[in-house]
PDB file of N, CA and C in Angstrom:
ATOM      1  N   UNK A   1       2.008-168.572   6.852  1.00  0.00           N
ATOM      2  CA  UNK A   1       2.878-168.227   5.776  1.00  0.00           C
ATOM      3  C   UNK A   1       3.674-169.820   5.332  1.00  0.00           C
ATOM      4  N   UNK A   2       3.515-170.003   3.982  1.00  0.00           N
ATOM      5  CA  UNK A   2       4.196-170.925   3.522  1.00  0.00           C
ATOM      6  C   UNK A   2       6.089-170.795   4.134  1.00  0.00           C
ATOM      7  N   UNK A   3       6.613-171.833   4.294  1.00  0.00           N
ATOM      8  CA  UNK A   3       7.980-171.282   4.716  1.00  0.00           C
ATOM      9  C   UNK A   3       8.800-171.024   3.356  1.00  0.00           C
ATOM     10  N   UNK A   4       8.657-171.366   2.388  1.00  0.00           N
ATOM     11  CA  UNK A   4       9.140-170.490   0.905  1.00  0.00           C
ATOM     12  C   UNK A   4       8.769-168.704   1.053  1.00  0.00           C
ATOM     13  N   UNK A   5       7.601-168.603   1.158  1.00  0.00           N
ATOM     14  CA  UNK A   5       7.473-167.365   1.449  1.00  0.00           C
ATOM     15  C   UNK A   5       8.103-166.338   2.374  1.00  0.00           C
ATOM     16  N   UNK A   6       7.933-166.967   3.685  1.00  0.00           N
ATOM     17  CA  UNK A   6       8.500-166.639   5.054  1.00  0.00           C
ATOM     18  C   UNK A   6      10.381-166.458   4.595  1.00  0.00           C
ATOM     19  N   UNK A   7      10.877-167.124   3.824  1.00  0.00           N
ATOM     20  CA  UNK A   7      12.615-167.006   3.832  1.00  0.00           C
ATOM     21  C   UNK A   7      12.858-166.202   2.682  1.00  0.00           C
ATOM     22  N   UNK A   8      11.647-165.860   1.620  1.00  0.00           N
ATOM     23  CA  UNK A   8      11.805-164.841   0.623  1.00  0.00           C
ATOM     24  C   UNK A   8      11.723-163.634   1.483  1.00  0.00           C
ATOM     25  N   UNK A   9      10.597-163.506   2.277  1.00  0.00           N
ATOM     26  CA  UNK A   9      10.295-162.036   2.940  1.00  0.00           C
ATOM     27  C   UNK A   9      11.638-161.860   4.115  1.00  0.00           C
ATOM     28  N   UNK A  10      12.230-162.930   4.465  1.00  0.00           N
ATOM     29  CA  UNK A  10      13.410-162.345   5.215  1.00  0.00           C
ATOM     30  C   UNK A  10      14.680-162.179   4.286  1.00  0.00           C
ATOM     31  N   UNK A  11      14.788-162.763   3.121  1.00  0.00           N
ATOM     32  CA  UNK A  11      15.898-162.426   2.106  1.00  0.00           C
ATOM     33  C   UNK A  11      15.460-161.017   1.618  1.00  0.00           C
ATOM     34  N   UNK A  12      14.347-160.396   1.222  1.00  0.00           N
ATOM     35  CA  UNK A  12      14.379-159.431   0.307  1.00  0.00           C
ATOM     36  C   UNK A  12      15.049-158.109   1.470  1.00  0.00           C
ATOM     37  N   UNK A  13      14.917-157.788   2.864  1.00  0.00           N
ATOM     38  CA  UNK A  13      15.324-156.713   3.559  1.00  0.00           C
ATOM     39  C   UNK A  13      17.171-157.373   3.571  1.00  0.00           C
ATOM     40  N   UNK A  14      17.520-158.305   3.930  1.00  0.00           N
ATOM     41  CA  UNK A  14      19.211-158.635   3.549  1.00  0.00           C
ATOM     42  C   UNK A  14      19.713-158.279   2.322  1.00  0.00           C
ATOM     43  N   UNK A  15      18.830-158.554   1.390  1.00  0.00           N
ATOM     44  CA  UNK A  15      19.479-158.026  -0.115  1.00  0.00           C
ATOM     45  C   UNK A  15      19.609-156.972   0.096  1.00  0.00           C
ATOM     46  N   UNK A  16      18.373-155.923   0.285  1.00  0.00           N
ATOM     47  CA  UNK A  16      18.073-154.652  -0.018  1.00  0.00           C
ATOM     48  C   UNK A  16      19.463-153.932   1.011  1.00  0.00           C
ATOM     49  N   UNK A  17      19.789-154.432   2.305  1.00  0.00           N
ATOM     50  CA  UNK A  17      20.845-153.962   3.178  1.00  0.00           C
ATOM     51  C   UNK A  17      21.726-154.256   2.465  1.00  0.00           C
ATOM     52  N   UNK A  18      22.480-155.468   1.904  1.00  0.00           N
ATOM     53  CA  UNK A  18      23.487-155.973   1.317  1.00  0.00           C
ATOM     54  C   UNK A  18      24.073-154.710   0.252  1.00  0.00           C
ATOM     55  N   UNK A  19      22.800-154.725  -0.667  1.00  0.00           N
ATOM     56  CA  UNK A  19      23.177-153.803  -2.147  1.00  0.00           C
ATOM     57  C   UNK A  19      23.639-152.405  -1.475  1.00  0.00           C
ATOM     58  N   UNK A  20      22.835-151.913  -0.395  1.00  0.00           N
ATOM     59  CA  UNK A  20      23.164-150.616   0.169  1.00  0.00           C
ATOM     60  C   UNK A  20      24.720-150.603   0.612  1.00  0.00           C
ATOM     61  N   UNK A  21      25.027-151.356   1.117  1.00  0.00           N
ATOM     62  CA  UNK A  21      26.169-151.299   1.592  1.00  0.00           C
ATOM     63  C   UNK A  21      27.349-151.614   0.527  1.00  0.00           C
ATOM     64  N   UNK A  22      27.100-152.045  -0.381  1.00  0.00           N
ATOM     65  CA  UNK A  22      27.852-151.970  -1.844  1.00  0.00           C
ATOM     66  C   UNK A  22      27.959-150.308  -2.707  1.00  0.00           C
ATOM     67  N   UNK A  23      26.754-149.584  -2.015  1.00  0.00           N
ATOM     68  CA  UNK A  23      26.091-148.195  -2.730  1.00  0.00           C
ATOM     69  C   UNK A  23      27.279-147.397  -1.918  1.00  0.00           C
ATOM     70  N   UNK A  24      27.317-147.729  -0.630  1.00  0.00           N
ATOM     71  CA  UNK A  24      28.198-146.902   0.195  1.00  0.00           C
ATOM     72  C   UNK A  24      29.350-147.302   0.342  1.00  0.00           C
ATOM     73  N   UNK A  25      29.899-148.740   0.156  1.00  0.00           N
ATOM     74  CA  UNK A  25      31.613-148.771  -0.366  1.00  0.00           C
ATOM     75  C   UNK A  25      31.806-148.156  -1.657  1.00  0.00           C
ATOM     76  N   UNK A  26      30.887-147.895  -2.766  1.00  0.00           N
ATOM     77  CA  UNK A  26      31.407-147.324  -4.142  1.00  0.00           C
ATOM     78  C   UNK A  26      31.178-146.075  -3.918  1.00  0.00           C
ATOM     79  N   UNK A  27      30.636-145.286  -3.131  1.00  0.00           N
ATOM     80  CA  UNK A  27      30.436-144.086  -2.730  1.00  0.00           C
ATOM     81  C   UNK A  27      31.870-143.331  -1.717  1.00  0.00           C
ATOM     82  N   UNK A  28      32.266-144.318  -0.954  1.00  0.00           N
ATOM     83  CA  UNK A  28      32.980-144.012  -0.077  1.00  0.00           C
ATOM     84  C   UNK A  28      34.770-144.152  -0.729  1.00  0.00           C
ATOM     85  N   UNK A  29      34.434-145.330  -1.846  1.00  0.00           N
ATOM     86  CA  UNK A  29      35.549-145.626  -2.882  1.00  0.00           C
ATOM     87  C   UNK A  29      35.827-144.311  -3.703  1.00  0.00           C
ATOM     88  N   UNK A  30      34.519-143.539  -4.149  1.00  0.00           N
ATOM     89  CA  UNK A  30      34.938-142.339  -4.854  1.00  0.00           C
ATOM     90  C   UNK A  30      35.427-141.032  -4.366  1.00  0.00           C
ATOM     91  N   UNK A  31      35.010-141.166  -2.640  1.00  0.00           N
ATOM     92  CA  UNK A  31      35.338-139.977  -2.157  1.00  0.00           C
ATOM     93  C   UNK A  31      36.755-140.205  -1.815  1.00  0.00           C
ATOM     94  N   UNK A  32      37.455-141.555  -1.521  1.00  0.00           N
ATOM     95  CA  UNK A  32      38.930-141.953  -1.345  1.00  0.00           C
ATOM     96  C   UNK A  32      39.641-141.101  -2.698  1.00  0.00           C
ATOM     97  N   UNK A  33      39.066-141.926  -3.606  1.00  0.00           N
ATOM     98  CA  UNK A  33      39.837-141.314  -4.998  1.00  0.00           C
ATOM     99  C   UNK A  33      39.785-139.804  -4.839  1.00  0.00           C
ATOM    100  N   UNK A  34      39.023-139.193  -4.727  1.00  0.00           N
ATOM    101  CA  UNK A  34      38.901-137.737  -4.732  1.00  0.00           C
ATOM    102  C   UNK A  34      39.846-137.282  -4.010  1.00  0.00           C
ATOM    103  N   UNK A  35      39.749-137.971  -2.620  1.00  0.00           N
ATOM    104  CA  UNK A  35      40.726-137.501  -1.305  1.00  0.00           C
ATOM    105  C   UNK A  35      42.310-137.743  -2.279  1.00  0.00           C
ATOM    106  N   UNK A  36      42.570-138.582  -2.756  1.00  0.00           N
ATOM    107  CA  UNK A  36      43.702-138.933  -3.213  1.00  0.00           C
ATOM    108  C   UNK A  36      44.027-137.617  -4.519  1.00  0.00           C
ATOM    109  N   UNK A  37      43.459-137.528  -5.408  1.00  0.00           N
ATOM    110  CA  UNK A  37      43.350-136.387  -6.253  1.00  0.00           C
ATOM    111  C   UNK A  37      43.890-135.317  -5.776  1.00  0.00           C
ATOM    112  N   UNK A  38      43.096-135.077  -4.508  1.00  0.00           N
ATOM    113  CA  UNK A  38      43.344-133.596  -3.747  1.00  0.00           C
ATOM    114  C   UNK A  38      44.711-133.672  -2.997  1.00  0.00           C
ATOM    115  N   UNK A  39      45.066-135.022  -2.841  1.00  0.00           N
ATOM    116  CA  UNK A  39      46.457-134.726  -2.336  1.00  0.00           C
ATOM    117  C   UNK A  39      47.743-134.548  -3.059  1.00  0.00           C
ATOM    118  N   UNK A  40      47.276-134.873  -4.086  1.00  0.00           N
ATOM    119  CA  UNK A  40      48.249-134.968  -5.700  1.00  0.00           C
ATOM    120  C   UNK A  40      48.565-133.635  -5.762  1.00  0.00           C
ATOM    121  N   UNK A  41      47.380-132.910  -5.972  1.00  0.00           N
ATOM    122  CA  UNK A  41      47.017-131.370  -5.937  1.00  0.00           C
ATOM    123  C   UNK A  41      48.043-130.584  -5.063  1.00  0.00           C
ATOM    124  N   UNK A  42      47.639-130.775  -3.637  1.00  0.00           N
ATOM    125  CA  UNK A  42      48.285-130.172  -2.755  1.00  0.00           C
ATOM    126  C   UNK A  42      49.902-130.342  -2.520  1.00  0.00           C
ATOM    127  N   UNK A  43      50.340-131.985  -3.123  1.00  0.00           N
ATOM    128  CA  UNK A  43      51.615-131.671  -2.631  1.00  0.00           C
ATOM    129  C   UNK A  43      52.186-130.959  -3.962  1.00  0.00           C
ATOM    130  N   UNK A  44      51.589-131.022  -5.517  1.00  0.00           N
ATOM    131  CA  UNK A  44      52.258-129.966  -6.320  1.00  0.00           C
ATOM    132  C   UNK A  44      52.540-128.739  -5.868  1.00  0.00           C
ATOM    133  N   UNK A  45      51.581-128.288  -5.137  1.00  0.00           N
ATOM    134  CA  UNK A  45      51.288-126.679  -4.810  1.00  0.00           C
ATOM    135  C   UNK A  45      52.540-126.297  -3.788  1.00  0.00           C
ATOM    136  N   UNK A  46      52.634-127.484  -2.874  1.00  0.00           N
ATOM    137  CA  UNK A  46      53.729-127.479  -2.051  1.00  0.00           C
ATOM    138  C   UNK A  46      55.320-127.474  -2.480  1.00  0.00           C
ATOM    139  N   UNK A  47      55.762-128.173  -3.621  1.00  0.00           N
ATOM    140  CA  UNK A  47      56.477-128.202  -4.440  1.00  0.00           C
ATOM    141  C   UNK A  47      56.628-126.884  -4.876  1.00  0.00           C
ATOM    142  N   UNK A  48      55.799-126.499  -5.836  1.00  0.00           N
ATOM    143  CA  UNK A  48      55.892-125.035  -6.383  1.00  0.00           C
ATOM    144  C   UNK A  48      56.303-124.158  -5.526  1.00  0.00           C
ATOM    145  N   UNK A  49      55.780-124.236  -4.232  1.00  0.00           N
ATOM    146  CA  UNK A  49      55.828-123.136  -3.397  1.00  0.00           C
ATOM    147  C   UNK A  49      57.265-123.035  -2.800  1.00  0.00           C
ATOM    148  N   UNK A  50      57.806-124.370  -2.416  1.00  0.00           N
ATOM    149  CA  UNK A  50      59.196-124.481  -2.218  1.00  0.00           C
ATOM    150  C   UNK A  50      60.356-124.233  -2.785  1.00  0.00           C
ATOM    151  N   UNK A  51      60.018-124.504  -4.555  1.00  0.00           N
ATOM    152  CA  UNK A  51      61.165-124.341  -5.405  1.00  0.00           C
ATOM    153  C   UNK A  51      61.582-122.671  -5.261  1.00  0.00           C
ATOM    154  N   UNK A  52      60.389-121.401  -5.330  1.00  0.00           N
ATOM    155  CA  UNK A  52      61.313-120.390  -5.630  1.00  0.00           C
ATOM    156  C   UNK A  52      61.677-120.035  -3.927  1.00  0.00           C
ATOM    157  N   UNK A  53      61.508-120.450  -2.981  1.00  0.00           N
ATOM    158  CA  UNK A  53      61.697-119.983  -1.756  1.00  0.00           C
ATOM    159  C   UNK A  53      63.357-119.777  -0.958  1.00  0.00           C
ATOM    160  N   UNK A  54      63.582-118.912  -0.812  1.00  0.00           N
ATOM    161  CA  UNK A  54      65.183-118.862  -0.407  1.00  0.00           C
ATOM    162  C   UNK A  54      64.634-118.209   1.000  1.00  0.00           C
ATOM    163  N   UNK A  55      66.021-118.272   1.901  1.00  0.00           N
ATOM    164  CA  UNK A  55      65.733-118.233   3.199  1.00  0.00           C
ATOM    165  C   UNK A  55      66.257-116.631   3.389  1.00  0.00           C
ATOM    166  N   UNK A  56      65.375-115.666   3.936  1.00  0.00           N
ATOM    167  CA  UNK A  56      65.819-114.586   3.865  1.00  0.00           C
ATOM    168  C   UNK A  56      66.583-114.782   5.542  1.00  0.00           C
ATOM    169  N   UNK A  57      67.777-113.619   5.410  1.00  0.00           N
ATOM    170  CA  UNK A  57      68.953-113.448   6.556  1.00  0.00           C
ATOM    171  C   UNK A  57      68.150-113.300   7.571  1.00  0.00           C
ATOM    172  N   UNK A  58      66.822-112.551   8.041  1.00  0.00           N
ATOM    173  CA  UNK A  58      66.099-112.299   9.159  1.00  0.00           C
ATOM    174  C   UNK A  58      65.432-112.923   9.582  1.00  0.00           C
ATOM    175  N   UNK A  59      64.748-113.760   8.496  1.00  0.00           N
ATOM    176  CA  UNK A  59      63.781-114.983   8.912  1.00  0.00           C
ATOM    177  C   UNK A  59      63.819-115.824  10.039  1.00  0.00           C
ATOM    178  N   UNK A  60      63.391-115.792  11.257  1.00  0.00           N
ATOM    179  CA  UNK A  60      63.344-116.355  12.220  1.00  0.00           C
ATOM    180  C   UNK A  60      62.898-118.172  12.127  1.00  0.00           C
ATOM    181  N   UNK A  61      61.786-117.846  11.292  1.00  0.00           N
ATOM    182  CA  UNK A  61      61.277-119.476  10.965  1.00  0.00           C
ATOM    183  C   UNK A  61      60.842-119.549  10.028  1.00  0.00           C
ATOM    184  N   UNK A  62      60.887-121.031   9.260  1.00  0.00           N
ATOM    185  CA  UNK A  62      60.219-121.070   7.595  1.00  0.00           C
ATOM    186  C   UNK A  62      59.746-122.538   7.787  1.00  0.00           C
ATOM    187  N   UNK A  63      58.859-122.593   6.552  1.00  0.00           N
ATOM    188  CA  UNK A  63      57.804-123.623   6.287  1.00  0.00           C
ATOM    189  C   UNK A  63      58.802-124.932   6.139  1.00  0.00           C
ATOM    190  N   UNK A  64      58.367-125.971   6.751  1.00  0.00           N
ATOM    191  CA  UNK A  64      59.238-127.244   6.444  1.00  0.00           C
ATOM    192  C   UNK A  64      58.331-127.796   5.146  1.00  0.00           C
ATOM    193  N   UNK A  65      58.748-127.667   4.207  1.00  0.00           N
ATOM    194  CA  UNK A  65      57.889-128.545   2.940  1.00  0.00           C
ATOM    195  C   UNK A  65      58.138-129.945   2.840  1.00  0.00           C
ATOM    196  N   UNK A  66      59.397-130.079   2.761  1.00  0.00           N
ATOM    197  CA  UNK A  66      59.819-131.744   2.734  1.00  0.00           C
ATOM    198  C   UNK A  66      58.855-132.126   3.816  1.00  0.00           C
ATOM    199  N   UNK A  67      58.828-132.056   5.110  1.00  0.00           N
ATOM    200  CA  UNK A  67      58.074-132.684   6.167  1.00  0.00           C
ATOM    201  C   UNK A  67      56.201-132.800   5.627  1.00  0.00           C
ATOM    202  N   UNK A  68      55.780-131.686   5.348  1.00  0.00           N
ATOM    203  CA  UNK A  68      54.763-131.694   4.921  1.00  0.00           C
ATOM    204  C   UNK A  68      54.498-132.911   3.453  1.00  0.00           C
ATOM    205  N   UNK A  69      55.142-132.613   2.590  1.00  0.00           N
ATOM    206  CA  UNK A  69      55.347-133.385   1.288  1.00  0.00           C
ATOM    207  C   UNK A  69      55.292-134.836   1.845  1.00  0.00           C
ATOM    208  N   UNK A  70      55.983-135.386   2.920  1.00  0.00           N
ATOM    209  CA  UNK A  70      56.635-136.577   3.495  1.00  0.00           C
ATOM    210  C   UNK A  70      55.034-136.964   3.763  1.00  0.00           C
ATOM    211  N   UNK A  71      54.779-135.947   5.117  1.00  0.00           N
ATOM    212  CA  UNK A  71      52.979-136.479   5.533  1.00  0.00           C
ATOM    213  C   UNK A  71      52.069-136.684   4.469  1.00  0.00           C
ATOM    214  N   UNK A  72      52.216-135.903   3.142  1.00  0.00           N
ATOM    215  CA  UNK A  72      50.772-135.824   2.272  1.00  0.00           C
ATOM    216  C   UNK A  72      50.958-137.613   1.414  1.00  0.00           C
ATOM    217  N   UNK A  73      52.402-137.609   1.245  1.00  0.00           N
ATOM    218  CA  UNK A  73      52.709-139.349   0.993  1.00  0.00           C
ATOM    219  C   UNK A  73      52.278-140.226   1.699  1.00  0.00           C
ATOM    220  N   UNK A  74      52.545-140.071   3.243  1.00  0.00           N
ATOM    221  CA  UNK A  74      52.041-140.987   4.129  1.00  0.00           C
ATOM    222  C   UNK A  74      50.510-141.066   4.043  1.00  0.00           C
ATOM    223  N   UNK A  75      49.846-140.075   3.941  1.00  0.00           N
ATOM    224  CA  UNK A  75      48.499-140.063   3.948  1.00  0.00           C
ATOM    225  C   UNK A  75      47.894-140.878   3.059  1.00  0.00           C
ATOM    226  N   UNK A  76      48.470-140.156   1.482  1.00  0.00           N
ATOM    227  CA  UNK A  76      47.709-141.049   0.372  1.00  0.00           C
ATOM    228  C   UNK A  76      48.580-142.939   0.448  1.00  0.00           C
ATOM    229  N   UNK A  77      49.462-143.049   0.706  1.00  0.00           N
ATOM    230  CA  UNK A  77      49.765-144.413   1.027  1.00  0.00           C
ATOM    231  C   UNK A  77      48.713-145.139   1.919  1.00  0.00           C
ATOM    232  N   UNK A  78      48.661-144.560   3.182  1.00  0.00           N
ATOM    233  CA  UNK A  78      47.556-145.205   3.899  1.00  0.00           C
ATOM    234  C   UNK A  78      45.855-145.204   3.054  1.00  0.00           C
ATOM    235  N   UNK A  79      45.807-144.049   2.375  1.00  0.00           N
ATOM    236  CA  UNK A  79      44.244-144.073   1.311  1.00  0.00           C
ATOM    237  C   UNK A  79      44.487-145.650   0.667  1.00  0.00           C
ATOM    238  N   UNK A  80      45.585-145.571  -0.121  1.00  0.00           N
ATOM    239  CA  UNK A  80      45.739-146.556  -1.046  1.00  0.00           C
ATOM    240  C   UNK A  80      45.847-148.013  -0.613  1.00  0.00           C
ATOM    241  N   UNK A  81      46.574-148.065   0.630  1.00  0.00           N
ATOM    242  CA  UNK A  81      46.435-149.211   1.210  1.00  0.00           C
ATOM    243  C   UNK A  81      45.055-149.821   1.819  1.00  0.00           C
ATOM    244  N   UNK A  82      43.973-148.956   2.176  1.00  0.00           N
ATOM    245  CA  UNK A  82      42.427-148.797   2.033  1.00  0.00           C
ATOM    246  C   UNK A  82      42.276-149.245   1.348  1.00  0.00           C
ATOM    247  N   UNK A  83      42.153-148.799   0.112  1.00  0.00           N
ATOM    248  CA  UNK A  83      41.585-148.804  -1.520  1.00  0.00           C
ATOM    249  C   UNK A  83      41.749-150.501  -2.098  1.00  0.00           C
ATOM    250  N   UNK A  84      43.077-150.768  -1.579  1.00  0.00           N
ATOM    251  CA  UNK A  84      43.465-152.186  -2.157  1.00  0.00           C
ATOM    252  C   UNK A  84      44.173-152.840  -1.430  1.00  0.00           C
ATOM    253  N   UNK A  85      43.884-153.440  -0.163  1.00  0.00           N
ATOM    254  CA  UNK A  85      44.655-153.871   0.793  1.00  0.00           C
ATOM    255  C   UNK A  85      45.336-155.243   0.049  1.00  0.00           C
ATOM    256  N   UNK A  86      46.804-155.516   0.636  1.00  0.00           N
ATOM    257  CA  UNK A  86      47.459-156.425   0.228  1.00  0.00           C
ATOM    258  C   UNK A  86      47.038-157.864   1.073  1.00  0.00           C
ATOM    259  N   UNK A  87      46.883-157.712   2.108  1.00  0.00           N
ATOM    260  CA  UNK A  87      46.504-158.870   3.320  1.00  0.00           C
ATOM    261  C   UNK A  87      45.921-157.792   4.509  1.00  0.00           C
ATOM    262  N   UNK A  88      45.340-158.674   5.575  1.00  0.00           N
ATOM    263  CA  UNK A  88      45.225-158.344   6.778  1.00  0.00           C
ATOM    264  C   UNK A  88      46.279-158.277   7.442  1.00  0.00           C
ATOM    265  N   UNK A  89      46.968-157.271   7.720  1.00  0.00           N
ATOM    266  CA  UNK A  89      48.336-156.597   8.839  1.00  0.00           C
ATOM    267  C   UNK A  89      47.749-155.860   9.576  1.00  0.00           C
ATOM    268  N   UNK A  90      48.581-155.366  10.842  1.00  0.00           N
ATOM    269  CA  UNK A  90      48.049-154.150  11.619  1.00  0.00           C
ATOM    270  C   UNK A  90      48.729-152.719  10.505  1.00  0.00           C
ATOM    271  N   UNK A  91      48.029-151.824  10.918  1.00  0.00           N
ATOM    272  CA  UNK A  91      48.456-150.655   9.983  1.00  0.00           C
ATOM    273  C   UNK A  91      49.496-150.098  10.680  1.00  0.00           C
ATOM    274  N   UNK A  92      50.529-149.317  10.040  1.00  0.00           N
ATOM    275  CA  UNK A  92      51.486-148.414  10.776  1.00  0.00           C
ATOM    276  C   UNK A  92      51.163-147.436  11.790  1.00  0.00           C
ATOM    277  N   UNK A  93      51.722-147.758  12.916  1.00  0.00           N
ATOM    278  CA  UNK A  93      50.856-147.002  13.958  1.00  0.00           C
ATOM    279  C   UNK A  93      51.179-145.870  14.175  1.00  0.00           C
ATOM    280  N   UNK A  94      52.674-145.440  13.292  1.00  0.00           N
ATOM    281  CA  UNK A  94      53.301-143.826  13.486  1.00  0.00           C
ATOM    282  C   UNK A  94      52.566-143.041  13.259  1.00  0.00           C
ATOM    283  N   UNK A  95      52.515-141.587  14.224  1.00  0.00           N
ATOM    284  CA  UNK A  95      51.726-140.564  14.041  1.00  0.00           C
ATOM    285  C   UNK A  95      52.485-139.706  13.082  1.00  0.00           C
ATOM    286  N   UNK A  96      51.534-138.912  12.556  1.00  0.00           N
ATOM    287  CA  UNK A  96      51.686-137.711  11.665  1.00  0.00           C
ATOM    288  C   UNK A  96      52.703-136.573  12.344  1.00  0.00           C
ATOM    289  N   UNK A  97      53.628-135.872  12.152  1.00  0.00           N
ATOM    290  CA  UNK A  97      54.416-134.740  12.662  1.00  0.00           C
ATOM    291  C   UNK A  97      53.429-133.547  13.208  1.00  0.00           C
ATOM    292  N   UNK A  98      52.986-133.004  11.865  1.00  0.00           N
ATOM    293  CA  UNK A  98      51.695-132.020  12.033  1.00  0.00           C
ATOM    294  C   UNK A  98      52.495-130.539  12.216  1.00  0.00           C
ATOM    295  N   UNK A  99      53.635-130.729  13.013  1.00  0.00           N
ATOM    296  CA  UNK A  99      54.694-129.188  12.895  1.00  0.00           C
ATOM    297  C   UNK A  99      55.261-128.887  12.197  1.00  0.00           C
ATOM    298  N   UNK A 100      54.857-128.209  11.026  1.00  0.00           N
ATOM    299  CA  UNK A 100      55.726-127.795   9.833  1.00  0.00           C
ATOM    300  C   UNK A 100      56.679-126.573   9.919  1.00  0.00           C
ATOM    301  N   UNK A 101      56.984-126.249  11.113  1.00  0.00           N
ATOM    302  CA  UNK A 101      57.630-124.769  11.519  1.00  0.00           C
ATOM    303  C   UNK A 101      59.133-125.214  11.842  1.00  0.00           C
ATOM    304  N   UNK A 102      60.046-124.464  11.061  1.00  0.00           N
ATOM    305  CA  UNK A 102      61.512-125.033  11.524  1.00  0.00           C
ATOM    306  C   UNK A 102      62.148-123.732  11.592  1.00  0.00           C
ATOM    307  N   UNK A 103      63.125-123.913  12.692  1.00  0.00           N
ATOM    308  CA  UNK A 103      63.727-122.784  12.926  1.00  0.00           C
ATOM    309  C   UNK A 103      64.843-122.546  11.880  1.00  0.00           C
ATOM    310  N   UNK A 104      64.707-121.324  11.162  1.00  0.00           N
ATOM    311  CA  UNK A 104      66.040-120.634  10.507  1.00  0.00           C
ATOM    312  C   UNK A 104      67.232-120.727  10.997  1.00  0.00           C
ATOM    313  N   UNK A 105      68.352-121.224  10.161  1.00  0.00           N
ATOM    314  CA  UNK A 105      69.439-121.218  10.886  1.00  0.00           C
ATOM    315  C   UNK A 105      70.159-119.635  11.219  1.00  0.00           C
ATOM    316  N   UNK A 106      70.845-119.651  12.415  1.00  0.00           N
ATOM    317  CA  UNK A 106      70.997-118.196  13.066  1.00  0.00           C
ATOM    318  C   UNK A 106      72.414-117.979  11.994  1.00  0.00           C
ATOM    319  N   UNK A 107      72.307-116.555  11.502  1.00  0.00           N
ATOM    320  CA  UNK A 107      73.553-116.133  10.719  1.00  0.00           C
ATOM    321  C   UNK A 107      74.780-115.806  11.503  1.00  0.00           C
ATOM    322  N   UNK A 108      74.798-115.565  12.857  1.00  0.00           N
ATOM    323  CA  UNK A 108      75.838-115.326  13.528  1.00  0.00           C
ATOM    324  C   UNK A 108      76.120-116.522  14.304  1.00  0.00           C
ATOM    325  N   UNK A 109      77.292-117.022  14.481  1.00  0.00           N
ATOM    326  CA  UNK A 109      77.697-118.335  14.605  1.00  0.00           C
ATOM    327  C   UNK A 109      77.945-117.934  16.715  1.00  0.00           C
ATOM    328  N   UNK A 110      77.785-119.209  17.472  1.00  0.00           N
ATOM    329  CA  UNK A 110      77.401-118.855  18.634  1.00  0.00           C
ATOM    330  C   UNK A 110      78.805-118.635  19.334  1.00  0.00           C
ATOM    331  N   UNK A 111      78.819-118.133  20.402  1.00  0.00           N
ATOM    332  CA  UNK A 111      80.104-118.184  21.248  1.00  0.00           C
ATOM    333  C   UNK A 111      80.543-119.261  21.737  1.00  0.00           C
TER     334      UNK A 111
END
């Protein structure tokens, strides 16, 4: 096999694999943009659910909407940083809280 044909035979699979990585990257980017849109929807729903919520005097716990919204914004920021990185810096290692239950303030003062 002549050297030129041999090189072409090696380059074709590399070009196909490289083209597939672009397809995967495009598919991943579309999926992440969809995730961002869904995060926006969840945040709007949480804000809407929080607005009319008033604490009942007998409630022991209530949902922590501000913490949920804060975590959603943090996730959105991480996705956005992945989609358009500014530079190669370590990611923020802080973990999400994930506990959205608040103890309702007691109606009776402590003795």
